[in-house]
Amino acid sequence: IVVSKADFNSIMDGGGFQMRLDFLRSLPAFGELEETQLIYINQVIKSHSRPGGFELWSEGDPVTKVYLLVKGEVSICKTVEVAGRDPRLVAVSQVSAPAL
């Protein structure tokens, strides 16, 4: 899910309760949820900044969070093993936040 930083900050910091629920409802991942589920998400959503190279999760980890990318980019990497060589990390996808 990619959201501009300006939109995210405007909605989460300055927006009222209903504006935040409407924002969450507008995202494809949350659009089909019931009101009580959106209210819960609204209560637990937090904003974080991470330095470059920070590992959000590793392949095989249980899914415990949803990330909204508002600035920068995220690389999706996979460890690849080739016979006779050391395993190496290969970027298989990259997602960038929209330009502000």
PDB file of N, CA and C in Angstrom:
ATOM      1  N   ILE A   1       0.862  -1.157   0.000  1.00  0.00           N
ATOM      2  CA  ILE A   1       0.000   0.000   0.000  1.00  0.00           C
ATOM      3  C   ILE A   1       0.906   1.217   0.000  1.00  0.00           C
ATOM      4  N   VAL A   2       0.712   2.113  -0.938  1.00  0.00           N
ATOM      5  CA  VAL A   2       1.551   3.303  -1.037  1.00  0.00           C
ATOM      6  C   VAL A   2       0.677   4.537  -0.898  1.00  0.00           C
ATOM      7  N   VAL A   3       1.039   5.405   0.039  1.00  0.00           N
ATOM      8  CA  VAL A   3       0.286   6.623   0.320  1.00  0.00           C
ATOM      9  C   VAL A   3       1.281   7.770   0.408  1.00  0.00           C
ATOM     10  N   SER A   4       0.952   8.920  -0.152  1.00  0.00           N
ATOM     11  CA  SER A   4       1.880  10.047  -0.049  1.00  0.00           C
ATOM     12  C   SER A   4       2.001  10.485   1.405  1.00  0.00           C
ATOM     13  N   LYS A   5       3.184  10.962   1.774  1.00  0.00           N
ATOM     14  CA  LYS A   5       3.426  11.398   3.153  1.00  0.00           C
ATOM     15  C   LYS A   5       2.483  12.539   3.529  1.00  0.00           C
ATOM     16  N   ALA A   6       2.274  13.466   2.614  1.00  0.00           N
ATOM     17  CA  ALA A   6       1.390  14.604   2.902  1.00  0.00           C
ATOM     18  C   ALA A   6      -0.025  14.129   3.206  1.00  0.00           C
ATOM     19  N   ASP A   7      -0.547  13.206   2.395  1.00  0.00           N
ATOM     20  CA  ASP A   7      -1.895  12.679   2.628  1.00  0.00           C
ATOM     21  C   ASP A   7      -1.970  11.935   3.952  1.00  0.00           C
ATOM     22  N   PHE A   8      -0.983  11.099   4.207  1.00  0.00           N
ATOM     23  CA  PHE A   8      -0.984  10.317   5.445  1.00  0.00           C
ATOM     24  C   PHE A   8      -0.947  11.237   6.664  1.00  0.00           C
ATOM     25  N   ASN A   9      -0.024  12.193   6.667  1.00  0.00           N
ATOM     26  CA  ASN A   9       0.094  13.105   7.809  1.00  0.00           C
ATOM     27  C   ASN A   9      -1.169  13.940   7.988  1.00  0.00           C
ATOM     28  N   SER A  10      -1.730  14.417   6.896  1.00  0.00           N
ATOM     29  CA  SER A  10      -2.937  15.227   6.971  1.00  0.00           C
ATOM     30  C   SER A  10      -4.087  14.457   7.603  1.00  0.00           C
ATOM     31  N   ILE A  11      -4.227  13.219   7.199  1.00  0.00           N
ATOM     32  CA  ILE A  11      -5.336  12.404   7.678  1.00  0.00           C
ATOM     33  C   ILE A  11      -5.097  11.908   9.107  1.00  0.00           C
ATOM     34  N   MET A  12      -3.901  11.418   9.382  1.00  0.00           N
ATOM     35  CA  MET A  12      -3.641  10.808  10.682  1.00  0.00           C
ATOM     36  C   MET A  12      -3.419  11.852  11.777  1.00  0.00           C
ATOM     37  N   ASP A  13      -2.824  12.988  11.437  1.00  0.00           N
ATOM     38  CA  ASP A  13      -2.536  14.001  12.455  1.00  0.00           C
ATOM     39  C   ASP A  13      -3.649  15.032  12.584  1.00  0.00           C
ATOM     40  N   GLY A  14      -4.134  15.539  11.455  1.00  0.00           N
ATOM     41  CA  GLY A  14      -5.106  16.613  11.508  1.00  0.00           C
ATOM     42  C   GLY A  14      -6.531  16.191  11.251  1.00  0.00           C
ATOM     43  N   GLY A  15      -6.698  15.004  10.719  1.00  0.00           N
ATOM     44  CA  GLY A  15      -8.040  14.548  10.390  1.00  0.00           C
ATOM     45  C   GLY A  15      -8.780  14.055  11.610  1.00  0.00           C
ATOM     46  N   GLY A  16     -10.066  14.179  11.556  1.00  0.00           N
ATOM     47  CA  GLY A  16     -10.894  13.673  12.641  1.00  0.00           C
ATOM     48  C   GLY A  16     -11.083  12.177  12.529  1.00  0.00           C
ATOM     49  N   PHE A  17     -11.759  11.638  13.492  1.00  0.00           N
ATOM     50  CA  PHE A  17     -12.014  10.204  13.565  1.00  0.00           C
ATOM     51  C   PHE A  17     -12.641   9.679  12.276  1.00  0.00           C
ATOM     52  N   GLN A  18     -13.708  10.321  11.794  1.00  0.00           N
ATOM     53  CA  GLN A  18     -14.399   9.847  10.603  1.00  0.00           C
ATOM     54  C   GLN A  18     -13.525   9.976   9.362  1.00  0.00           C
ATOM     55  N   MET A  19     -12.697  11.013   9.298  1.00  0.00           N
ATOM     56  CA  MET A  19     -11.797  11.175   8.152  1.00  0.00           C
ATOM     57  C   MET A  19     -10.791  10.023   8.096  1.00  0.00           C
ATOM     58  N   ARG A  20     -10.286   9.603   9.259  1.00  0.00           N
ATOM     59  CA  ARG A  20      -9.343   8.482   9.291  1.00  0.00           C
ATOM     60  C   ARG A  20     -10.030   7.181   8.866  1.00  0.00           C
ATOM     61  N   LEU A  21     -11.258   6.974   9.325  1.00  0.00           N
ATOM     62  CA  LEU A  21     -11.981   5.769   8.917  1.00  0.00           C
ATOM     63  C   LEU A  21     -12.249   5.773   7.415  1.00  0.00           C
ATOM     64  N   ASP A  22     -12.637   6.924   6.877  1.00  0.00           N
ATOM     65  CA  ASP A  22     -12.886   7.027   5.436  1.00  0.00           C
ATOM     66  C   ASP A  22     -11.612   6.758   4.643  1.00  0.00           C
ATOM     67  N   PHE A  23     -10.483   7.267   5.151  1.00  0.00           N
ATOM     68  CA  PHE A  23      -9.196   7.028   4.499  1.00  0.00           C
ATOM     69  C   PHE A  23      -8.882   5.536   4.474  1.00  0.00           C
ATOM     70  N   LEU A  24      -8.996   4.885   5.612  1.00  0.00           N
ATOM     71  CA  LEU A  24      -8.728   3.448   5.667  1.00  0.00           C
ATOM     72  C   LEU A  24      -9.658   2.686   4.737  1.00  0.00           C
ATOM     73  N   ARG A  25     -10.917   3.058   4.720  1.00  0.00           N
ATOM     74  CA  ARG A  25     -11.914   2.401   3.867  1.00  0.00           C
ATOM     75  C   ARG A  25     -11.570   2.582   2.379  1.00  0.00           C
ATOM     76  N   SER A  26     -10.903   3.672   2.028  1.00  0.00           N
ATOM     77  CA  SER A  26     -10.558   3.943   0.631  1.00  0.00           C
ATOM     78  C   SER A  26      -9.402   3.070   0.128  1.00  0.00           C
ATOM     79  N   LEU A  27      -8.658   2.457   1.037  1.00  0.00           N
ATOM     80  CA  LEU A  27      -7.539   1.599   0.641  1.00  0.00           C
ATOM     81  C   LEU A  27      -8.052   0.211   0.284  1.00  0.00           C
ATOM     82  N   PRO A  28      -7.607  -0.337  -0.851  1.00  0.00           N
ATOM     83  CA  PRO A  28      -8.111  -1.643  -1.280  1.00  0.00           C
ATOM     84  C   PRO A  28      -8.007  -2.728  -0.209  1.00  0.00           C
ATOM     85  N   ALA A  29      -6.947  -2.718   0.575  1.00  0.00           N
ATOM     86  CA  ALA A  29      -6.761  -3.762   1.586  1.00  0.00           C
ATOM     87  C   ALA A  29      -7.791  -3.683   2.703  1.00  0.00           C
ATOM     88  N   PHE A  30      -8.371  -2.502   2.921  1.00  0.00           N
ATOM     89  CA  PHE A  30      -9.288  -2.309   4.036  1.00  0.00           C
ATOM     90  C   PHE A  30     -10.725  -2.023   3.610  1.00  0.00           C
ATOM     91  N   GLY A  31     -10.958  -1.865   2.328  1.00  0.00           N
ATOM     92  CA  GLY A  31     -12.256  -1.432   1.827  1.00  0.00           C
ATOM     93  C   GLY A  31     -13.440  -2.314   2.178  1.00  0.00           C
ATOM     94  N   GLU A  32     -13.216  -3.598   2.340  1.00  0.00           N
ATOM     95  CA  GLU A  32     -14.306  -4.534   2.614  1.00  0.00           C
ATOM     96  C   GLU A  32     -14.515  -4.796   4.107  1.00  0.00           C
ATOM     97  N   LEU A  33     -13.702  -4.181   4.952  1.00  0.00           N
ATOM     98  CA  LEU A  33     -13.818  -4.434   6.388  1.00  0.00           C
ATOM     99  C   LEU A  33     -15.049  -3.766   6.977  1.00  0.00           C
ATOM    100  N   GLU A  34     -15.525  -4.329   8.073  1.00  0.00           N
ATOM    101  CA  GLU A  34     -16.672  -3.750   8.768  1.00  0.00           C
ATOM    102  C   GLU A  34     -16.224  -2.574   9.621  1.00  0.00           C
ATOM    103  N   GLU A  35     -17.164  -1.737   9.996  1.00  0.00           N
ATOM    104  CA  GLU A  35     -16.893  -0.526  10.778  1.00  0.00           C
ATOM    105  C   GLU A  35     -16.100  -0.831  12.052  1.00  0.00           C
ATOM    106  N   THR A  36     -16.477  -1.879  12.773  1.00  0.00           N
ATOM    107  CA  THR A  36     -15.776  -2.201  14.020  1.00  0.00           C
ATOM    108  C   THR A  36     -14.317  -2.580  13.767  1.00  0.00           C
ATOM    109  N   GLN A  37     -14.049  -3.237  12.641  1.00  0.00           N
ATOM    110  CA  GLN A  37     -12.679  -3.592  12.292  1.00  0.00           C
ATOM    111  C   GLN A  37     -11.864  -2.345  11.943  1.00  0.00           C
ATOM    112  N   LEU A  38     -12.475  -1.420  11.204  1.00  0.00           N
ATOM    113  CA  LEU A  38     -11.791  -0.164  10.862  1.00  0.00           C
ATOM    114  C   LEU A  38     -11.510   0.665  12.116  1.00  0.00           C
ATOM    115  N   ILE A  39     -12.449   0.671  13.040  1.00  0.00           N
ATOM    116  CA  ILE A  39     -12.249   1.410  14.298  1.00  0.00           C
ATOM    117  C   ILE A  39     -11.051   0.831  15.051  1.00  0.00           C
ATOM    118  N   TYR A  40     -10.937  -0.482  15.093  1.00  0.00           N
ATOM    119  CA  TYR A  40      -9.797  -1.115  15.767  1.00  0.00           C
ATOM    120  C   TYR A  40      -8.492  -0.723  15.082  1.00  0.00           C
ATOM    121  N   ILE A  41      -8.443  -0.825  13.760  1.00  0.00           N
ATOM    122  CA  ILE A  41      -7.227  -0.459  13.022  1.00  0.00           C
ATOM    123  C   ILE A  41      -6.873   0.995  13.295  1.00  0.00           C
ATOM    124  N   ASN A  42      -7.861   1.864  13.287  1.00  0.00           N
ATOM    125  CA  ASN A  42      -7.634   3.283  13.560  1.00  0.00           C
ATOM    126  C   ASN A  42      -6.985   3.482  14.936  1.00  0.00           C
ATOM    127  N   GLN A  43      -7.353   2.663  15.900  1.00  0.00           N
ATOM    128  CA  GLN A  43      -6.822   2.794  17.252  1.00  0.00           C
ATOM    129  C   GLN A  43      -5.379   2.308  17.375  1.00  0.00           C
ATOM    130  N   VAL A  44      -4.964   1.370  16.548  1.00  0.00           N
ATOM    131  CA  VAL A  44      -3.631   0.784  16.703  1.00  0.00           C
ATOM    132  C   VAL A  44      -2.611   1.260  15.671  1.00  0.00           C
ATOM    133  N   ILE A  45      -3.039   2.015  14.655  1.00  0.00           N
ATOM    134  CA  ILE A  45      -2.120   2.462  13.615  1.00  0.00           C
ATOM    135  C   ILE A  45      -1.094   3.440  14.197  1.00  0.00           C
ATOM    136  N   LYS A  46       0.165   3.281  13.787  1.00  0.00           N
ATOM    137  CA  LYS A  46       1.261   4.117  14.272  1.00  0.00           C
ATOM    138  C   LYS A  46       2.147   4.511  13.108  1.00  0.00           C
ATOM    139  N   SER A  47       2.826   5.626  13.255  1.00  0.00           N
ATOM    140  CA  SER A  47       3.762   6.102  12.247  1.00  0.00           C
ATOM    141  C   SER A  47       5.191   5.864  12.738  1.00  0.00           C
ATOM    142  N   HIS A  48       6.027   5.298  11.883  1.00  0.00           N
ATOM    143  CA  HIS A  48       7.425   5.027  12.217  1.00  0.00           C
ATOM    144  C   HIS A  48       8.314   5.418  11.053  1.00  0.00           C
ATOM    145  N   SER A  49       9.535   5.774  11.355  1.00  0.00           N
ATOM    146  CA  SER A  49      10.549   6.034  10.345  1.00  0.00           C
ATOM    147  C   SER A  49      11.667   5.024  10.546  1.00  0.00           C
ATOM    148  N   ARG A  50      12.179   4.464   9.466  1.00  0.00           N
ATOM    149  CA  ARG A  50      13.240   3.467   9.552  1.00  0.00           C
ATOM    150  C   ARG A  50      14.427   3.897   8.696  1.00  0.00           C
ATOM    151  N   PRO A  51      15.657   3.643   9.160  1.00  0.00           N
ATOM    152  CA  PRO A  51      16.848   3.993   8.375  1.00  0.00           C
ATOM    153  C   PRO A  51      17.014   3.059   7.180  1.00  0.00           C
ATOM    154  N   GLY A  52      17.756   3.501   6.181  1.00  0.00           N
ATOM    155  CA  GLY A  52      18.055   2.662   5.034  1.00  0.00           C
ATOM    156  C   GLY A  52      18.707   1.363   5.473  1.00  0.00           C
ATOM    157  N   GLY A  53      18.351   0.275   4.820  1.00  0.00           N
ATOM    158  CA  GLY A  53      18.916  -1.023   5.145  1.00  0.00           C
ATOM    159  C   GLY A  53      18.231  -1.741   6.290  1.00  0.00           C
ATOM    160  N   PHE A  54      17.236  -1.096   6.896  1.00  0.00           N
ATOM    161  CA  PHE A  54      16.518  -1.705   8.015  1.00  0.00           C
ATOM    162  C   PHE A  54      15.680  -2.867   7.495  1.00  0.00           C
ATOM    163  N   GLU A  55      15.772  -4.020   8.157  1.00  0.00           N
ATOM    164  CA  GLU A  55      14.991  -5.193   7.754  1.00  0.00           C
ATOM    165  C   GLU A  55      13.649  -5.186   8.462  1.00  0.00           C
ATOM    166  N   LEU A  56      12.570  -5.060   7.689  1.00  0.00           N
ATOM    167  CA  LEU A  56      11.224  -5.048   8.261  1.00  0.00           C
ATOM    168  C   LEU A  56      10.784  -6.441   8.685  1.00  0.00           C
ATOM    169  N   TRP A  57      11.094  -7.430   7.880  1.00  0.00           N
ATOM    170  CA  TRP A  57      10.773  -8.819   8.187  1.00  0.00           C
ATOM    171  C   TRP A  57      11.624  -9.714   7.311  1.00  0.00           C
ATOM    172  N   SER A  58      11.663 -10.988   7.650  1.00  0.00           N
ATOM    173  CA  SER A  58      12.422 -11.975   6.884  1.00  0.00           C
ATOM    174  C   SER A  58      11.474 -13.010   6.306  1.00  0.00           C
ATOM    175  N   GLU A  59      11.888 -13.598   5.208  1.00  0.00           N
ATOM    176  CA  GLU A  59      11.094 -14.642   4.575  1.00  0.00           C
ATOM    177  C   GLU A  59      10.784 -15.733   5.598  1.00  0.00           C
ATOM    178  N   GLY A  60       9.520 -16.123   5.673  1.00  0.00           N
ATOM    179  CA  GLY A  60       9.099 -17.161   6.597  1.00  0.00           C
ATOM    180  C   GLY A  60       8.584 -16.639   7.928  1.00  0.00           C
ATOM    181  N   ASP A  61       8.829 -15.344   8.231  1.00  0.00           N
ATOM    182  CA  ASP A  61       8.300 -14.770   9.472  1.00  0.00           C
ATOM    183  C   ASP A  61       6.779 -14.732   9.405  1.00  0.00           C
ATOM    184  N   PRO A  62       6.100 -14.901  10.537  1.00  0.00           N
ATOM    185  CA  PRO A  62       4.633 -14.768  10.525  1.00  0.00           C
ATOM    186  C   PRO A  62       4.241 -13.315  10.239  1.00  0.00           C
ATOM    187  N   VAL A  63       3.114 -13.137   9.577  1.00  0.00           N
ATOM    188  CA  VAL A  63       2.621 -11.792   9.266  1.00  0.00           C
ATOM    189  C   VAL A  63       1.976 -11.216  10.518  1.00  0.00           C
ATOM    190  N   THR A  64       2.544 -10.111  11.025  1.00  0.00           N
ATOM    191  CA  THR A  64       2.007  -9.484  12.229  1.00  0.00           C
ATOM    192  C   THR A  64       1.719  -8.009  12.037  1.00  0.00           C
ATOM    193  N   LYS A  65       2.114  -7.438  10.887  1.00  0.00           N
ATOM    194  CA  LYS A  65       1.939  -6.006  10.654  1.00  0.00           C
ATOM    195  C   LYS A  65       1.624  -5.736   9.192  1.00  0.00           C
ATOM    196  N   VAL A  66       1.030  -4.571   8.959  1.00  0.00           N
ATOM    197  CA  VAL A  66       0.808  -4.046   7.613  1.00  0.00           C
ATOM    198  C   VAL A  66       1.562  -2.728   7.549  1.00  0.00           C
ATOM    199  N   TYR A  67       2.271  -2.496   6.473  1.00  0.00           N
ATOM    200  CA  TYR A  67       3.057  -1.280   6.334  1.00  0.00           C
ATOM    201  C   TYR A  67       2.461  -0.384   5.258  1.00  0.00           C
ATOM    202  N   LEU A  68       2.370   0.915   5.548  1.00  0.00           N
ATOM    203  CA  LEU A  68       1.970   1.925   4.570  1.00  0.00           C
ATOM    204  C   LEU A  68       3.219   2.732   4.254  1.00  0.00           C
ATOM    205  N   LEU A  69       3.694   2.660   3.053  1.00  0.00           N
ATOM    206  CA  LEU A  69       4.913   3.355   2.653  1.00  0.00           C
ATOM    207  C   LEU A  69       4.567   4.784   2.257  1.00  0.00           C
ATOM    208  N   VAL A  70       5.090   5.754   3.002  1.00  0.00           N
ATOM    209  CA  VAL A  70       4.777   7.158   2.711  1.00  0.00           C
ATOM    210  C   VAL A  70       5.985   7.935   2.205  1.00  0.00           C
ATOM    211  N   LYS A  71       7.187   7.403   2.379  1.00  0.00           N
ATOM    212  CA  LYS A  71       8.390   8.084   1.890  1.00  0.00           C
ATOM    213  C   LYS A  71       9.479   7.042   1.677  1.00  0.00           C
ATOM    214  N   GLY A  72      10.245   7.213   0.625  1.00  0.00           N
ATOM    215  CA  GLY A  72      11.359   6.308   0.357  1.00  0.00           C
ATOM    216  C   GLY A  72      10.960   5.126  -0.489  1.00  0.00           C
ATOM    217  N   GLU A  73      11.690   4.037  -0.303  1.00  0.00           N
ATOM    218  CA  GLU A  73      11.413   2.835  -1.081  1.00  0.00           C
ATOM    219  C   GLU A  73      11.739   1.598  -0.260  1.00  0.00           C
ATOM    220  N   VAL A  74      11.149   0.494  -0.681  1.00  0.00           N
ATOM    221  CA  VAL A  74      11.354  -0.785  -0.022  1.00  0.00           C
ATOM    222  C   VAL A  74      11.772  -1.788  -1.082  1.00  0.00           C
ATOM    223  N   SER A  75      12.813  -2.548  -0.784  1.00  0.00           N
ATOM    224  CA  SER A  75      13.243  -3.626  -1.665  1.00  0.00           C
ATOM    225  C   SER A  75      12.793  -4.953  -1.067  1.00  0.00           C
ATOM    226  N   ILE A  76      12.243  -5.802  -1.916  1.00  0.00           N
ATOM    227  CA  ILE A  76      11.864  -7.150  -1.523  1.00  0.00           C
ATOM    228  C   ILE A  76      12.992  -8.054  -1.997  1.00  0.00           C
ATOM    229  N   CYS A  77      13.645  -8.725  -1.061  1.00  0.00           N
ATOM    230  CA  CYS A  77      14.822  -9.532  -1.397  1.00  0.00           C
ATOM    231  C   CYS A  77      14.600 -10.992  -1.043  1.00  0.00           C
ATOM    232  N   LYS A  78      15.356 -11.841  -1.705  1.00  0.00           N
ATOM    233  CA  LYS A  78      15.293 -13.277  -1.455  1.00  0.00           C
ATOM    234  C   LYS A  78      16.722 -13.808  -1.423  1.00  0.00           C
ATOM    235  N   THR A  79      16.974 -14.717  -0.499  1.00  0.00           N
ATOM    236  CA  THR A  79      18.279 -15.372  -0.450  1.00  0.00           C
ATOM    237  C   THR A  79      18.293 -16.469  -1.500  1.00  0.00           C
ATOM    238  N   VAL A  80      19.285 -16.413  -2.385  1.00  0.00           N
ATOM    239  CA  VAL A  80      19.397 -17.376  -3.481  1.00  0.00           C
ATOM    240  C   VAL A  80      20.659 -18.202  -3.259  1.00  0.00           C
ATOM    241  N   GLU A  81      20.489 -19.505  -3.336  1.00  0.00           N
ATOM    242  CA  GLU A  81      21.632 -20.403  -3.195  1.00  0.00           C
ATOM    243  C   GLU A  81      21.927 -21.044  -4.543  1.00  0.00           C
ATOM    244  N   VAL A  82      23.179 -20.928  -4.977  1.00  0.00           N
ATOM    245  CA  VAL A  82      23.627 -21.524  -6.224  1.00  0.00           C
ATOM    246  C   VAL A  82      24.706 -22.540  -5.866  1.00  0.00           C
ATOM    247  N   ALA A  83      24.618 -23.717  -6.450  1.00  0.00           N
ATOM    248  CA  ALA A  83      25.569 -24.789  -6.139  1.00  0.00           C
ATOM    249  C   ALA A  83      27.007 -24.283  -6.266  1.00  0.00           C
ATOM    250  N   GLY A  84      27.801 -24.551  -5.238  1.00  0.00           N
ATOM    251  CA  GLY A  84      29.208 -24.183  -5.263  1.00  0.00           C
ATOM    252  C   GLY A  84      29.489 -22.734  -4.882  1.00  0.00           C
ATOM    253  N   ARG A  85      28.457 -21.969  -4.537  1.00  0.00           N
ATOM    254  CA  ARG A  85      28.651 -20.565  -4.169  1.00  0.00           C
ATOM    255  C   ARG A  85      27.997 -20.279  -2.829  1.00  0.00           C
ATOM    256  N   ASP A  86      28.435 -19.208  -2.200  1.00  0.00           N
ATOM    257  CA  ASP A  86      27.796 -18.759  -0.968  1.00  0.00           C
ATOM    258  C   ASP A  86      26.422 -18.182  -1.304  1.00  0.00           C
ATOM    259  N   PRO A  87      25.437 -18.369  -0.415  1.00  0.00           N
ATOM    260  CA  PRO A  87      24.109 -17.765  -0.645  1.00  0.00           C
ATOM    261  C   PRO A  87      24.237 -16.249  -0.767  1.00  0.00           C
ATOM    262  N   ARG A  88      23.420 -15.650  -1.606  1.00  0.00           N
ATOM    263  CA  ARG A  88      23.451 -14.194  -1.739  1.00  0.00           C
ATOM    264  C   ARG A  88      22.036 -13.640  -1.765  1.00  0.00           C
ATOM    265  N   LEU A  89      21.919 -12.397  -1.345  1.00  0.00           N
ATOM    266  CA  LEU A  89      20.635 -11.706  -1.292  1.00  0.00           C
ATOM    267  C   LEU A  89      20.395 -11.021  -2.633  1.00  0.00           C
ATOM    268  N   VAL A  90      19.233 -11.282  -3.233  1.00  0.00           N
ATOM    269  CA  VAL A  90      18.887 -10.719  -4.543  1.00  0.00           C
ATOM    270  C   VAL A  90      17.580  -9.947  -4.419  1.00  0.00           C
ATOM    271  N   ALA A  91      17.562  -8.703  -4.908  1.00  0.00           N
ATOM    272  CA  ALA A  91      16.321  -7.911  -4.906  1.00  0.00           C
ATOM    273  C   ALA A  91      15.417  -8.451  -6.008  1.00  0.00           C
ATOM    274  N   VAL A  92      14.202  -8.833  -5.644  1.00  0.00           N
ATOM    275  CA  VAL A  92      13.249  -9.366  -6.622  1.00  0.00           C
ATOM    276  C   VAL A  92      12.155  -8.362  -6.956  1.00  0.00           C
ATOM    277  N   SER A  93      12.020  -7.313  -6.151  1.00  0.00           N
ATOM    278  CA  SER A  93      11.017  -6.278  -6.397  1.00  0.00           C
ATOM    279  C   SER A  93      11.386  -5.036  -5.606  1.00  0.00           C
ATOM    280  N   GLN A  94      10.895  -3.890  -6.074  1.00  0.00           N
ATOM    281  CA  GLN A  94      11.129  -2.644  -5.366  1.00  0.00           C
ATOM    282  C   GLN A  94       9.880  -1.782  -5.465  1.00  0.00           C
ATOM    283  N   VAL A  95       9.494  -1.186  -4.336  1.00  0.00           N
ATOM    284  CA  VAL A  95       8.308  -0.338  -4.272  1.00  0.00           C
ATOM    285  C   VAL A  95       8.745   1.030  -3.770  1.00  0.00           C
ATOM    286  N   SER A  96       8.306   2.083  -4.461  1.00  0.00           N
ATOM    287  CA  SER A  96       8.643   3.437  -4.065  1.00  0.00           C
ATOM    288  C   SER A  96       7.386   4.194  -3.658  1.00  0.00           C
ATOM    289  N   ALA A  97       7.554   5.073  -2.680  1.00  0.00           N
ATOM    290  CA  ALA A  97       6.447   5.952  -2.297  1.00  0.00           C
ATOM    291  C   ALA A  97       6.240   6.960  -3.421  1.00  0.00           C
ATOM    292  N   PRO A  98       5.021   7.515  -3.537  1.00  0.00           N
ATOM    293  CA  PRO A  98       4.783   8.508  -4.581  1.00  0.00           C
ATOM    294  C   PRO A  98       5.606   9.769  -4.332  1.00  0.00           C
ATOM    295  N   ALA A  99       5.962  10.456  -5.415  1.00  0.00           N
ATOM    296  CA  ALA A  99       6.698  11.712  -5.291  1.00  0.00           C
ATOM    297  C   ALA A  99       5.843  12.738  -4.574  1.00  0.00           C
ATOM    298  N   LEU A 100       6.460  13.486  -3.676  1.00  0.00           N
ATOM    299  CA  LEU A 100       5.713  14.494  -2.917  1.00  0.00           C
ATOM    300  C   LEU A 100       5.727  15.820  -3.635  1.00  0.00           C
TER     301      LEU A 100
END
